[in-house]
Protein backbone atom coordinates (compact mmCIF):
# COMPACT_ATOMS: atom_id res chain seq x y z
CA UNK A 1 -7.28 -27.23 5.70
CA UNK A 2 -9.14 -24.62 3.73
CA UNK A 3 -8.64 -21.17 5.38
CA UNK A 4 -10.60 -17.99 4.91
CA UNK A 5 -8.12 -15.28 5.66
CA UNK A 6 -9.54 -11.74 6.05
CA UNK A 7 -7.12 -8.94 5.31
CA UNK A 8 -4.92 -11.24 3.33
CA UNK A 9 -3.58 -8.46 1.04
CA UNK A 10 -2.23 -6.61 4.06
CA UNK A 11 1.12 -6.82 5.74
CA UNK A 12 0.63 -9.49 8.27
CA UNK A 13 -2.24 -11.19 6.38
CA UNK A 14 -0.24 -11.66 3.15
CA UNK A 15 2.51 -13.26 5.15
CA UNK A 16 -0.01 -15.75 6.52
CA UNK A 17 -1.39 -16.37 3.08
CA UNK A 18 2.11 -17.07 1.59
CA UNK A 19 3.15 -19.41 4.52
CA UNK A 20 -0.20 -21.23 4.63
CA UNK A 21 -0.05 -22.15 0.93
CA UNK A 22 3.66 -23.20 1.35
CA UNK A 23 2.46 -25.55 4.05
CA UNK A 24 -0.18 -26.99 1.77
CA UNK A 25 -3.30 -25.33 3.03
CA UNK A 26 -5.91 -23.93 0.65
CA UNK A 27 -6.47 -20.22 1.13
CA UNK A 28 -9.40 -17.85 0.25
CA UNK A 29 -8.12 -14.36 0.61
CA UNK A 30 -10.88 -11.90 1.51
CA UNK A 31 -9.82 -8.25 1.40
CA UNK A 32 -11.68 -5.03 0.66
CA UNK A 33 -8.41 -3.54 -0.68
CA UNK A 34 -8.11 -0.32 1.46
CA UNK A 35 -5.25 2.10 1.02
CA UNK A 36 -2.92 -0.23 2.99
CA UNK A 37 -3.60 -3.39 0.98
CA UNK A 38 -1.61 -4.43 -2.04
CA UNK A 39 -2.20 -7.59 -4.16
CA UNK A 40 1.50 -7.52 -5.08
CA UNK A 41 2.03 -8.87 -1.53
CA UNK A 42 0.56 -12.16 -2.61
CA UNK A 43 1.71 -12.24 -6.28
CA UNK A 44 4.03 -15.11 -5.53
CA UNK A 45 1.10 -17.42 -4.80
CA UNK A 46 -1.61 -15.90 -7.00
CA UNK A 47 -1.37 -18.59 -9.63
CA UNK A 48 -1.41 -21.47 -7.17
CA UNK A 49 -4.38 -23.81 -7.39
CA UNK A 50 -4.61 -23.52 -3.49
CA UNK A 51 -5.26 -19.72 -3.76
CA UNK A 52 -8.44 -17.74 -4.36
CA UNK A 53 -9.08 -14.01 -3.91
CA UNK A 54 -12.36 -12.33 -3.23
CA UNK A 55 -12.73 -8.52 -2.80
CA UNK A 56 -15.29 -7.98 -0.07
CA UNK A 57 -15.99 -5.76 2.90
CA UNK A 58 -16.24 -7.70 6.17
CA UNK A 59 -19.16 -5.39 7.04
CA UNK A 60 -21.23 -6.84 4.11
CA UNK A 61 -23.16 -9.78 5.66
CA UNK A 62 -24.86 -10.85 2.49
CA UNK A 63 -21.50 -11.14 0.68
CA UNK A 64 -19.92 -13.01 3.57
CA UNK A 65 -22.71 -15.55 3.56
CA UNK A 66 -22.18 -16.17 -0.17
CA UNK A 67 -18.44 -16.63 0.42
CA UNK A 68 -18.88 -19.08 3.20
CA UNK A 69 -21.41 -21.07 1.14
CA UNK A 70 -19.24 -21.09 -1.96
CA UNK A 71 -15.85 -21.91 -0.34
CA UNK A 72 -16.85 -23.92 2.79
CA UNK A 73 -13.70 -23.00 4.87
CA UNK A 74 -12.45 -25.19 7.75
CA UNK A 75 -11.27 -22.12 9.59
CA UNK A 76 -11.34 -18.35 9.63
CA UNK A 77 -8.21 -16.31 10.28
CA UNK A 78 -9.45 -12.84 10.97
CA UNK A 79 -6.63 -10.24 10.36
CA UNK A 80 -8.70 -7.55 8.51
CA UNK A 81 -8.41 -4.40 10.59
CA UNK A 82 -7.63 -0.67 10.51
CA UNK A 83 -4.27 -0.66 12.45
CA UNK A 84 -2.46 2.66 12.32
CA UNK A 85 -2.66 4.52 15.67
CA UNK A 86 -2.07 7.97 14.15
CA UNK A 87 -4.91 7.43 11.65
CA UNK A 88 -7.22 6.40 14.52
CA UNK A 89 -6.55 9.66 16.26
CA UNK A 90 -7.48 11.64 13.12
CA UNK A 91 -10.44 9.49 12.12
CA UNK A 92 -11.70 6.98 14.71
CA UNK A 93 -14.91 6.21 12.90
CA UNK A 94 -13.27 3.93 10.34
CA UNK A 95 -11.64 1.89 13.16
CA UNK A 96 -15.03 1.37 14.93
CA UNK A 97 -16.70 0.42 11.66
CA UNK A 98 -14.05 -2.05 10.51
CA UNK A 99 -12.70 -3.49 13.75
CA UNK A 100 -15.95 -3.61 15.81
CA UNK A 101 -18.80 -3.71 13.35
CA UNK A 102 -16.81 -5.77 10.83
CA UNK A 103 -15.74 -8.28 13.44
CA UNK A 104 -19.38 -8.61 14.66
CA UNK A 105 -20.62 -9.17 11.14
CA UNK A 106 -17.99 -11.72 10.39
CA UNK A 107 -18.76 -13.55 13.61
CA UNK A 108 -22.35 -13.73 12.78
CA UNK A 109 -21.64 -15.03 9.29
CA UNK A 110 -19.21 -17.64 10.63
CA UNK A 111 -21.70 -18.74 13.30
CA UNK A 112 -24.43 -19.18 10.82
CA UNK A 113 -22.19 -21.16 8.57
CA UNK A 114 -20.93 -23.39 11.38
CA UNK A 115 -24.34 -24.06 12.68
CA UNK A 116 -25.81 -24.88 9.36
CA UNK A 117 -22.91 -27.22 8.72
CA UNK A 118 -23.78 -29.14 11.86
CA UNK A 119 -21.23 -27.60 14.05
CA UNK A 120 -18.24 -29.51 12.78
CA UNK A 121 -15.53 -30.17 15.29
CA UNK A 122 -12.71 -29.12 12.96
CA UNK A 123 -13.98 -25.57 12.54
CA UNK A 124 -12.01 -22.72 14.11
CA UNK A 125 -12.42 -18.92 14.26
CA UNK A 126 -9.02 -17.43 14.89
CA UNK A 127 -9.05 -13.76 15.89
CA UNK A 128 -5.75 -11.95 15.50
CA UNK A 129 -5.23 -8.93 17.75
CA UNK A 130 -2.54 -6.73 19.36
CA UNK A 131 -0.77 -6.20 22.62
CA UNK A 132 -1.97 -2.59 22.55
CA UNK A 133 -5.24 -3.65 24.12
CA UNK A 134 -3.40 -4.12 27.41
CA UNK A 135 -2.33 -0.44 27.66
CA UNK A 136 1.13 0.78 28.74
CA UNK A 137 3.83 -0.82 30.94
CA UNK A 138 6.32 0.89 33.17
CA UNK A 139 10.00 0.00 33.09
CA UNK A 140 9.34 -3.51 34.38
CA UNK A 141 6.84 -6.31 33.85
CA UNK A 142 5.27 -7.98 30.87
CA UNK A 143 1.84 -8.54 29.40
CA UNK A 144 0.38 -12.02 30.05
CA UNK A 145 -2.90 -13.40 28.80
CA UNK A 146 -4.47 -12.44 32.09
CA UNK A 147 -3.38 -8.76 32.07
CA UNK A 148 -6.49 -6.50 32.36
CA UNK A 149 -7.33 -4.59 29.23
CA UNK A 150 -6.53 -0.85 29.36
CA UNK A 151 -6.54 0.48 25.80
CA UNK A 152 -5.33 4.07 25.31
CA UNK A 153 -6.04 4.94 21.68
CA UNK A 154 -9.05 4.66 19.35
CA UNK A 155 -7.20 1.87 17.61
CA UNK A 156 -6.43 -0.21 20.61
CA UNK A 157 -9.96 0.44 22.03
CA UNK A 158 -11.54 -0.86 18.81
CA UNK A 159 -9.33 -3.99 18.91
CA UNK A 160 -10.13 -4.51 22.54
CA UNK A 161 -13.81 -4.41 21.67
CA UNK A 162 -13.37 -6.91 18.94
CA UNK A 163 -11.51 -9.26 21.36
CA UNK A 164 -14.44 -9.05 23.72
CA UNK A 165 -16.87 -9.79 20.94
CA UNK A 166 -15.00 -12.91 19.90
CA UNK A 167 -14.84 -14.25 23.44
CA UNK A 168 -18.49 -13.56 23.94
CA UNK A 169 -19.42 -15.52 20.78
CA UNK A 170 -17.36 -18.38 22.09
CA UNK A 171 -19.04 -18.34 25.52
CA UNK A 172 -22.59 -17.56 24.45
CA UNK A 173 -22.92 -19.47 21.19
CA UNK A 174 -20.12 -22.09 21.60
CA UNK A 175 -18.35 -20.80 18.48
CA UNK A 176 -14.98 -22.56 18.48
CA UNK A 177 -12.57 -19.63 18.90
CA UNK A 178 -8.88 -18.96 19.58
CA UNK A 179 -7.32 -15.54 20.06
CA UNK A 180 -3.83 -14.16 19.70
CA UNK A 181 -2.30 -10.84 20.76
CA UNK A 182 0.97 -9.93 19.11
CA UNK A 183 3.74 -7.33 19.65
CA UNK A 184 4.98 -4.90 16.99
CA UNK A 185 5.61 -6.54 13.66
CA UNK A 186 8.11 -5.61 10.99
CA UNK A 187 9.58 -7.11 7.89
CA UNK A 188 9.05 -7.27 4.03
CA UNK A 189 5.84 -5.77 2.51
CA UNK A 190 5.32 -3.44 5.55
CA UNK A 191 3.16 -0.52 4.34
CA UNK A 192 5.25 2.61 4.28
CA UNK A 193 3.53 4.53 7.06
CA UNK A 194 4.78 2.48 9.99
CA UNK A 195 8.08 3.19 11.88
CA UNK A 196 10.46 0.70 10.30
CA UNK A 197 9.67 1.47 6.63
CA UNK A 198 9.41 5.19 7.34
CA UNK A 199 12.92 5.22 8.72
CA UNK A 200 14.33 3.21 5.74
CA UNK A 201 12.60 5.30 3.12
CA UNK A 202 13.33 8.65 4.77
CA UNK A 203 16.97 7.64 5.04
CA UNK A 204 17.14 6.57 1.50
CA UNK A 205 15.62 9.88 0.41
CA UNK A 206 18.05 11.90 2.56
CA UNK A 207 15.07 13.41 4.47
CA UNK A 208 14.67 13.95 8.22
CA UNK A 209 13.82 10.75 10.06
CA UNK A 210 11.07 11.68 12.60
CA UNK A 211 11.29 10.19 16.05
CA UNK A 212 8.40 10.90 18.42
CA UNK A 213 9.28 12.57 21.76
CA UNK A 214 12.67 11.47 23.01
CA UNK A 215 12.48 8.06 21.34
CA UNK A 216 12.47 6.19 24.67
CA UNK A 217 9.21 4.36 24.05
CA UNK A 218 9.95 0.61 24.07
CA UNK A 219 8.43 -2.05 21.92
CA UNK A 220 8.85 -5.84 21.59
CA UNK A 221 9.63 -6.36 17.89
CA UNK A 222 8.37 -9.48 16.03
CA UNK A 223 9.52 -10.43 12.59
CA UNK A 224 6.36 -10.84 10.41
CA UNK A 225 7.30 -14.30 9.10
CA UNK A 226 7.80 -15.58 12.62
CA UNK A 227 4.38 -14.12 13.50
CA UNK A 228 2.73 -15.94 10.58
CA UNK A 229 4.24 -19.18 11.75
CA UNK A 230 2.98 -18.57 15.29
CA UNK A 231 -0.52 -17.86 13.92
CA UNK A 232 -0.76 -21.11 11.96
CA UNK A 233 0.64 -22.95 14.99
CA UNK A 234 -2.11 -21.58 17.23
CA UNK A 235 -4.74 -22.32 14.57
CA UNK A 236 -3.72 -26.00 14.29
CA UNK A 237 -2.58 -26.73 17.84
CA UNK A 238 -4.17 -24.09 20.13
CA UNK A 239 -6.72 -25.02 22.73
CA UNK A 240 -10.24 -23.82 21.96
CA UNK A 241 -11.31 -20.76 23.92
CA UNK A 242 -7.63 -19.85 24.84
CA UNK A 243 -5.72 -16.73 24.01
CA UNK A 244 -2.02 -16.73 23.27
CA UNK A 245 0.39 -13.78 23.43
CA UNK A 246 2.97 -13.77 20.60
CA UNK A 247 6.13 -11.75 21.20
CA UNK A 248 9.43 -11.45 19.45
CA UNK A 249 11.48 -11.39 22.69
CA UNK A 250 13.29 -8.32 21.29
CA UNK A 251 12.66 -5.27 23.43
CA UNK A 252 14.20 -2.11 21.84
CA UNK A 253 13.52 1.58 22.25
CA UNK A 254 12.32 3.45 19.25
CA UNK A 255 15.47 5.48 19.18
CA UNK A 256 17.66 2.36 19.44
CA UNK A 257 15.75 0.79 16.60
CA UNK A 258 16.14 3.82 14.35
CA UNK A 259 19.89 3.86 14.99
CA UNK A 260 20.10 0.15 14.22
CA UNK A 261 18.45 0.76 10.82
CA UNK A 262 20.70 3.71 10.10
CA UNK A 263 23.79 1.59 10.86
CA UNK A 264 22.64 -1.11 8.51
CA UNK A 265 22.03 1.45 5.83
CA UNK A 266 25.46 2.96 6.35
CA UNK A 267 26.91 -0.51 5.51
CA UNK A 268 24.80 -1.39 2.50
CA UNK A 269 23.82 2.00 1.14
CA UNK A 270 26.74 4.30 2.15
CA UNK A 271 25.44 7.20 0.02
CA UNK A 272 24.22 9.71 2.60
CA UNK A 273 26.01 8.11 5.55
CA UNK A 274 25.94 8.56 8.53
CA UNK A 275 22.20 8.16 8.18
CA UNK A 276 21.76 8.76 12.00
CA UNK A 277 22.46 12.43 11.35
CA UNK A 278 18.98 12.57 9.78
CA UNK A 279 17.27 11.77 13.01
CA UNK A 280 14.94 14.51 14.00
CA UNK A 281 12.87 14.60 17.28
CA UNK A 282 9.26 15.67 16.77
CA UNK A 283 6.31 16.33 18.98
CA UNK A 284 5.12 13.19 20.63
CA UNK A 285 2.02 11.21 19.62
CA UNK A 286 -1.03 12.01 21.91
CA UNK A 287 -1.31 9.28 24.56
CA UNK A 288 1.75 7.55 23.41
CA UNK A 289 2.11 4.25 25.34
CA UNK A 290 5.52 4.09 26.98
CA UNK A 291 6.38 0.38 26.80
CA UNK A 292 4.97 -2.96 25.53
CA UNK A 293 6.47 -6.31 26.46
CA UNK A 294 5.06 -9.80 25.91
CA UNK A 295 5.43 -12.77 28.24
CA UNK A 296 5.37 -15.68 25.72
CA UNK A 297 5.36 -18.48 28.31
CA UNK A 298 1.99 -19.87 27.26
CA UNK A 299 2.66 -20.29 23.62
CA UNK A 300 6.18 -21.59 24.29
CA UNK A 301 5.14 -24.21 26.92
CA UNK A 302 1.77 -25.28 25.52
CA UNK A 303 2.55 -25.21 21.76
CA UNK A 304 6.38 -25.34 21.61
CA UNK A 305 6.68 -22.06 19.57
CA UNK A 306 9.21 -19.37 19.95
CA UNK A 307 10.54 -16.69 17.53
CA UNK A 308 13.41 -17.76 15.34
CA UNK A 309 14.60 -14.30 14.25
CA UNK A 310 16.41 -11.76 16.32
CA UNK A 311 15.71 -8.16 15.81
CA UNK A 312 19.23 -7.70 14.37
CA UNK A 313 18.77 -10.49 11.90
CA UNK A 314 15.25 -9.36 11.05
CA UNK A 315 16.18 -5.70 10.48
CA UNK A 316 19.01 -6.72 8.19
CA UNK A 317 16.65 -8.89 6.11
CA UNK A 318 14.09 -6.09 6.04
CA UNK A 319 16.49 -3.38 4.90
CA UNK A 320 17.83 -5.63 2.15
CA UNK A 321 14.27 -6.37 1.03
CA UNK A 322 13.47 -2.62 0.72
CA UNK A 323 16.64 -1.96 -1.24
CA UNK A 324 15.82 -4.86 -3.64
CA UNK A 325 12.07 -4.03 -3.99
CA UNK A 326 11.98 -0.29 -4.85
CA UNK A 327 9.18 -0.76 -7.42
CA UNK A 328 6.98 -2.19 -4.69
CA UNK A 329 7.21 0.74 -2.23
CA UNK A 330 7.45 3.52 -4.91
CA UNK A 331 4.09 2.49 -6.17
CA UNK A 332 2.56 3.06 -2.74
CA UNK A 333 4.07 6.37 -1.90
CA UNK A 334 1.33 8.37 -3.53
CA UNK A 335 -1.42 6.82 -1.49
CA UNK A 336 -3.28 9.10 0.91
CA UNK A 337 -1.39 10.02 4.01
CA UNK A 338 1.91 8.28 3.17
CA UNK A 339 4.84 10.49 4.11
CA UNK A 340 2.67 12.91 6.07
CA UNK A 341 2.61 13.46 9.83
CA UNK A 342 -0.78 12.10 11.08
CA UNK A 343 -2.37 11.89 14.55
CA UNK A 344 -1.47 15.21 16.02
CA UNK A 345 -4.91 15.54 17.58
């Protein structure tokens, strides 16, 4: 298949690009290259005859039409999004523009292309979203595909809106769509403003490791390479019009996660150990969701997919990657907002 991947220079998108090419798909990587994007993420496939890159904003309809006409993709995998909750608290406008207006513009470009091509049966529009659209759970229960939406942040609200748009284009115009909602990702190439890389890099620098509130907030952690595999599985095997929740089956509190990373660093980077002494509790994020948990029954029973990496294995691989790729993350540390506390409201 020829895939048009939006946001393919980002964290999850680049993992999809690398795996898709490994599986023999052709990939057109469409990315506007915001602060969180990095072409080094796809350097390993940049010279492949299966790879092409186009720098374009998904809000630019004219440019999108030209890309569809020039490359004639069999499927769209839409990962381009503003995704950092703290940044959405400080500046929600960018999230509405990219996640809502950008998704609308991409849907319209994809619909026009699909209709002009005679509505080919093979075409797919795969929208990649988040479990945060479902809101917050108490100590029990899990999100299913039928859980009512209850977003609590500007980020999750913008992603909920984009989910609704995609479903509406499927119902109203017959656009062949599939959707996925994933739990928290982590792994190599994770931009250094999210929790896991923040902990690693703060610990390596001997600086305080910030933990919001009391650290009791629980997330289901999904290794990014497992997520990429799940996304390509849904794209090729999923039922049109269906949504699939993708979870790592690894529920861990933020404080437990931080301590696990510190313990790994104690073993492989003993300088500064015990790193857990650097843990510092800071004022909580406004509207901080207490717990996310995914029920992955549908993707497991319908498509035969389940995660292959435990959180212990994945964190060990992630820590090793950051220790071995210092040039990658050092080059990103001067980008706007990296290392700062954002989202205080």
